[in-house]
């Protein structure tokens, strides 16, 4: 059973793509592949004075949460290099507690390999 995951608080993601670049470098992926992909949502008008425009880093099937780094006691590279500090790695039970009172958060758990 998966015990750890990646929590992404996309309310404050700036869209810098640091997570993508760090992942490509860490794993040697070509430019068209990555373990995490930044997705843009919007922009579109919600009301007279409010717009929807978010960036959401989405782990792909190539993401293993940097298993090699974790084995050495380090954080996943996307978490380490996130300039806006919107990503957290940890136990799923702890991460879900952080999600309780906050919108615009997603929890990623890796596929069993």
C-alpha atoms as a PDB file:
ATOM      1  CA  UNK A   1       0.000   0.000   0.000  1.00  0.00           C
ATOM      2  CA  UNK A   2       1.216   3.505  -0.833  1.00  0.00           C
ATOM      3  CA  UNK A   3       2.070   5.450   2.320  1.00  0.00           C
ATOM      4  CA  UNK A   4       3.646   8.613   0.906  1.00  0.00           C
ATOM      5  CA  UNK A   5       2.537  11.160  -1.636  1.00  0.00           C
ATOM      6  CA  UNK A   6       2.963  14.593  -3.122  1.00  0.00           C
ATOM      7  CA  UNK A   7       0.677  17.448  -2.072  1.00  0.00           C
ATOM      8  CA  UNK A   8       0.366  20.336  -4.509  1.00  0.00           C
ATOM      9  CA  UNK A   9      -1.130  23.647  -3.349  1.00  0.00           C
ATOM     10  CA  UNK A  10      -1.778  25.110  -6.766  1.00  0.00           C
ATOM     11  CA  UNK A  11      -3.401  28.301  -5.509  1.00  0.00           C
ATOM     12  CA  UNK A  12       0.049  29.858  -5.302  1.00  0.00           C
ATOM     13  CA  UNK A  13       1.817  28.136  -8.211  1.00  0.00           C
ATOM     14  CA  UNK A  14       3.421  30.828 -10.386  1.00  0.00           C
ATOM     15  CA  UNK A  15       3.872  28.667 -13.484  1.00  0.00           C
ATOM     16  CA  UNK A  16       7.673  28.983 -13.434  1.00  0.00           C
ATOM     17  CA  UNK A  17       8.170  25.388 -14.712  1.00  0.00           C
ATOM     18  CA  UNK A  18      11.007  24.812 -12.233  1.00  0.00           C
ATOM     19  CA  UNK A  19       9.460  21.465 -11.314  1.00  0.00           C
ATOM     20  CA  UNK A  20       9.503  20.319 -14.958  1.00  0.00           C
ATOM     21  CA  UNK A  21      13.075  21.437 -15.570  1.00  0.00           C
ATOM     22  CA  UNK A  22      14.372  19.884 -12.350  1.00  0.00           C
ATOM     23  CA  UNK A  23      12.622  16.604 -13.176  1.00  0.00           C
ATOM     24  CA  UNK A  24      14.023  16.476 -16.719  1.00  0.00           C
ATOM     25  CA  UNK A  25      17.527  17.173 -15.464  1.00  0.00           C
ATOM     26  CA  UNK A  26      17.325  14.675 -12.581  1.00  0.00           C
ATOM     27  CA  UNK A  27      16.072  11.829 -14.770  1.00  0.00           C
ATOM     28  CA  UNK A  28      17.636  12.709 -18.109  1.00  0.00           C
ATOM     29  CA  UNK A  29      14.267  12.968 -19.852  1.00  0.00           C
ATOM     30  CA  UNK A  30      14.144  14.512 -23.343  1.00  0.00           C
ATOM     31  CA  UNK A  31      12.383  17.872 -23.777  1.00  0.00           C
ATOM     32  CA  UNK A  32       9.047  16.259 -24.686  1.00  0.00           C
ATOM     33  CA  UNK A  33       8.881  13.983 -21.607  1.00  0.00           C
ATOM     34  CA  UNK A  34       8.729  14.610 -17.912  1.00  0.00           C
ATOM     35  CA  UNK A  35       7.633  13.143 -14.619  1.00  0.00           C
ATOM     36  CA  UNK A  36       5.595  16.268 -13.883  1.00  0.00           C
ATOM     37  CA  UNK A  37       3.824  18.547 -16.358  1.00  0.00           C
ATOM     38  CA  UNK A  38       2.697  22.080 -15.648  1.00  0.00           C
ATOM     39  CA  UNK A  39      -0.848  22.639 -16.891  1.00  0.00           C
ATOM     40  CA  UNK A  40      -2.466  26.035 -17.330  1.00  0.00           C
ATOM     41  CA  UNK A  41      -6.130  26.437 -16.393  1.00  0.00           C
ATOM     42  CA  UNK A  42      -7.762  29.526 -17.889  1.00  0.00           C
ATOM     43  CA  UNK A  43      -7.729  32.415 -18.082  1.00  0.00           C
ATOM     44  CA  UNK A  44     -11.461  32.936 -18.296  1.00  0.00           C
ATOM     45  CA  UNK A  45     -13.882  35.297 -16.669  1.00  0.00           C
ATOM     46  CA  UNK A  46     -15.892  33.918 -13.741  1.00  0.00           C
ATOM     47  CA  UNK A  47     -17.743  37.086 -12.778  1.00  0.00           C
ATOM     48  CA  UNK A  48     -17.576  40.803 -13.454  1.00  0.00           C
ATOM     49  CA  UNK A  49     -14.428  41.232 -11.373  1.00  0.00           C
ATOM     50  CA  UNK A  50     -13.031  37.706 -11.011  1.00  0.00           C
ATOM     51  CA  UNK A  51     -10.935  35.572 -13.347  1.00  0.00           C
ATOM     52  CA  UNK A  52      -9.861  31.916 -13.208  1.00  0.00           C
ATOM     53  CA  UNK A  53      -6.179  31.507 -14.033  1.00  0.00           C
ATOM     54  CA  UNK A  54      -4.249  28.738 -12.342  1.00  0.00           C
ATOM     55  CA  UNK A  55      -1.174  26.645 -12.982  1.00  0.00           C
ATOM     56  CA  UNK A  56      -1.376  23.053 -11.798  1.00  0.00           C
ATOM     57  CA  UNK A  57       1.692  20.788 -11.759  1.00  0.00           C
ATOM     58  CA  UNK A  58       0.440  17.306 -12.638  1.00  0.00           C
ATOM     59  CA  UNK A  59       2.628  14.230 -12.096  1.00  0.00           C
ATOM     60  CA  UNK A  60       2.718  11.881 -15.096  1.00  0.00           C
ATOM     61  CA  UNK A  61       2.989   8.101 -15.188  1.00  0.00           C
ATOM     62  CA  UNK A  62       6.771   8.552 -15.359  1.00  0.00           C
ATOM     63  CA  UNK A  63       6.799  10.001 -11.834  1.00  0.00           C
ATOM     64  CA  UNK A  64       8.099   7.652  -9.150  1.00  0.00           C
ATOM     65  CA  UNK A  65       8.487  10.502  -6.641  1.00  0.00           C
ATOM     66  CA  UNK A  66      12.247  10.335  -7.279  1.00  0.00           C
ATOM     67  CA  UNK A  67      12.634   6.933  -5.643  1.00  0.00           C
ATOM     68  CA  UNK A  68      16.435   7.140  -5.920  1.00  0.00           C
ATOM     69  CA  UNK A  69      16.497  10.475  -4.099  1.00  0.00           C
ATOM     70  CA  UNK A  70      14.080   9.208  -1.427  1.00  0.00           C
ATOM     71  CA  UNK A  71      16.336   6.182  -0.839  1.00  0.00           C
ATOM     72  CA  UNK A  72      19.146   8.656  -0.048  1.00  0.00           C
ATOM     73  CA  UNK A  73      16.947  10.600   2.397  1.00  0.00           C
ATOM     74  CA  UNK A  74      16.285  13.502   0.027  1.00  0.00           C
ATOM     75  CA  UNK A  75      13.059  15.144  -1.170  1.00  0.00           C
ATOM     76  CA  UNK A  76      11.701  14.602  -4.681  1.00  0.00           C
ATOM     77  CA  UNK A  77      13.465  17.022  -7.012  1.00  0.00           C
ATOM     78  CA  UNK A  78      10.241  18.871  -7.935  1.00  0.00           C
ATOM     79  CA  UNK A  79       9.632  19.614  -4.241  1.00  0.00           C
ATOM     80  CA  UNK A  80      13.213  20.779  -3.719  1.00  0.00           C
ATOM     81  CA  UNK A  81      13.206  23.097  -6.729  1.00  0.00           C
ATOM     82  CA  UNK A  82       9.676  24.547  -6.481  1.00  0.00           C
ATOM     83  CA  UNK A  83      10.326  28.278  -6.287  1.00  0.00           C
ATOM     84  CA  UNK A  84       6.882  29.063  -4.862  1.00  0.00           C
ATOM     85  CA  UNK A  85       7.129  26.219  -2.289  1.00  0.00           C
ATOM     86  CA  UNK A  86       3.709  24.839  -3.264  1.00  0.00           C
ATOM     87  CA  UNK A  87       4.737  21.169  -3.175  1.00  0.00           C
ATOM     88  CA  UNK A  88       5.118  18.956  -0.114  1.00  0.00           C
ATOM     89  CA  UNK A  89       6.203  15.332   0.178  1.00  0.00           C
ATOM     90  CA  UNK A  90       5.154  13.217   3.128  1.00  0.00           C
ATOM     91  CA  UNK A  91       2.919  10.587   4.646  1.00  0.00           C
ATOM     92  CA  UNK A  92      -0.533  10.548   3.079  1.00  0.00           C
ATOM     93  CA  UNK A  93      -2.308  10.812   6.433  1.00  0.00           C
ATOM     94  CA  UNK A  94      -0.326  13.969   7.268  1.00  0.00           C
ATOM     95  CA  UNK A  95      -0.868  15.491   3.815  1.00  0.00           C
ATOM     96  CA  UNK A  96      -4.633  14.885   3.899  1.00  0.00           C
ATOM     97  CA  UNK A  97      -4.823  16.755   7.217  1.00  0.00           C
ATOM     98  CA  UNK A  98      -3.277  19.774   5.475  1.00  0.00           C
ATOM     99  CA  UNK A  99      -5.973  19.593   2.778  1.00  0.00           C
ATOM    100  CA  UNK A 100      -8.965  19.735   5.104  1.00  0.00           C
ATOM    101  CA  UNK A 101      -9.431  23.486   5.270  1.00  0.00           C
ATOM    102  CA  UNK A 102      -7.738  24.609   2.069  1.00  0.00           C
ATOM    103  CA  UNK A 103      -9.128  24.668  -1.462  1.00  0.00           C
ATOM    104  CA  UNK A 104      -7.024  24.270  -4.606  1.00  0.00           C
ATOM    105  CA  UNK A 105      -4.891  21.405  -3.351  1.00  0.00           C
ATOM    106  CA  UNK A 106      -4.361  18.029  -4.992  1.00  0.00           C
ATOM    107  CA  UNK A 107      -2.761  14.876  -3.614  1.00  0.00           C
ATOM    108  CA  UNK A 108      -0.730  12.581  -5.869  1.00  0.00           C
ATOM    109  CA  UNK A 109       0.181   9.027  -4.980  1.00  0.00           C
ATOM    110  CA  UNK A 110       2.468   7.039  -7.265  1.00  0.00           C
ATOM    111  CA  UNK A 111       1.429   3.881  -9.042  1.00  0.00           C
ATOM    112  CA  UNK A 112       2.583   0.640  -7.497  1.00  0.00           C
ATOM    113  CA  UNK A 113       5.521  -0.693  -9.486  1.00  0.00           C
END
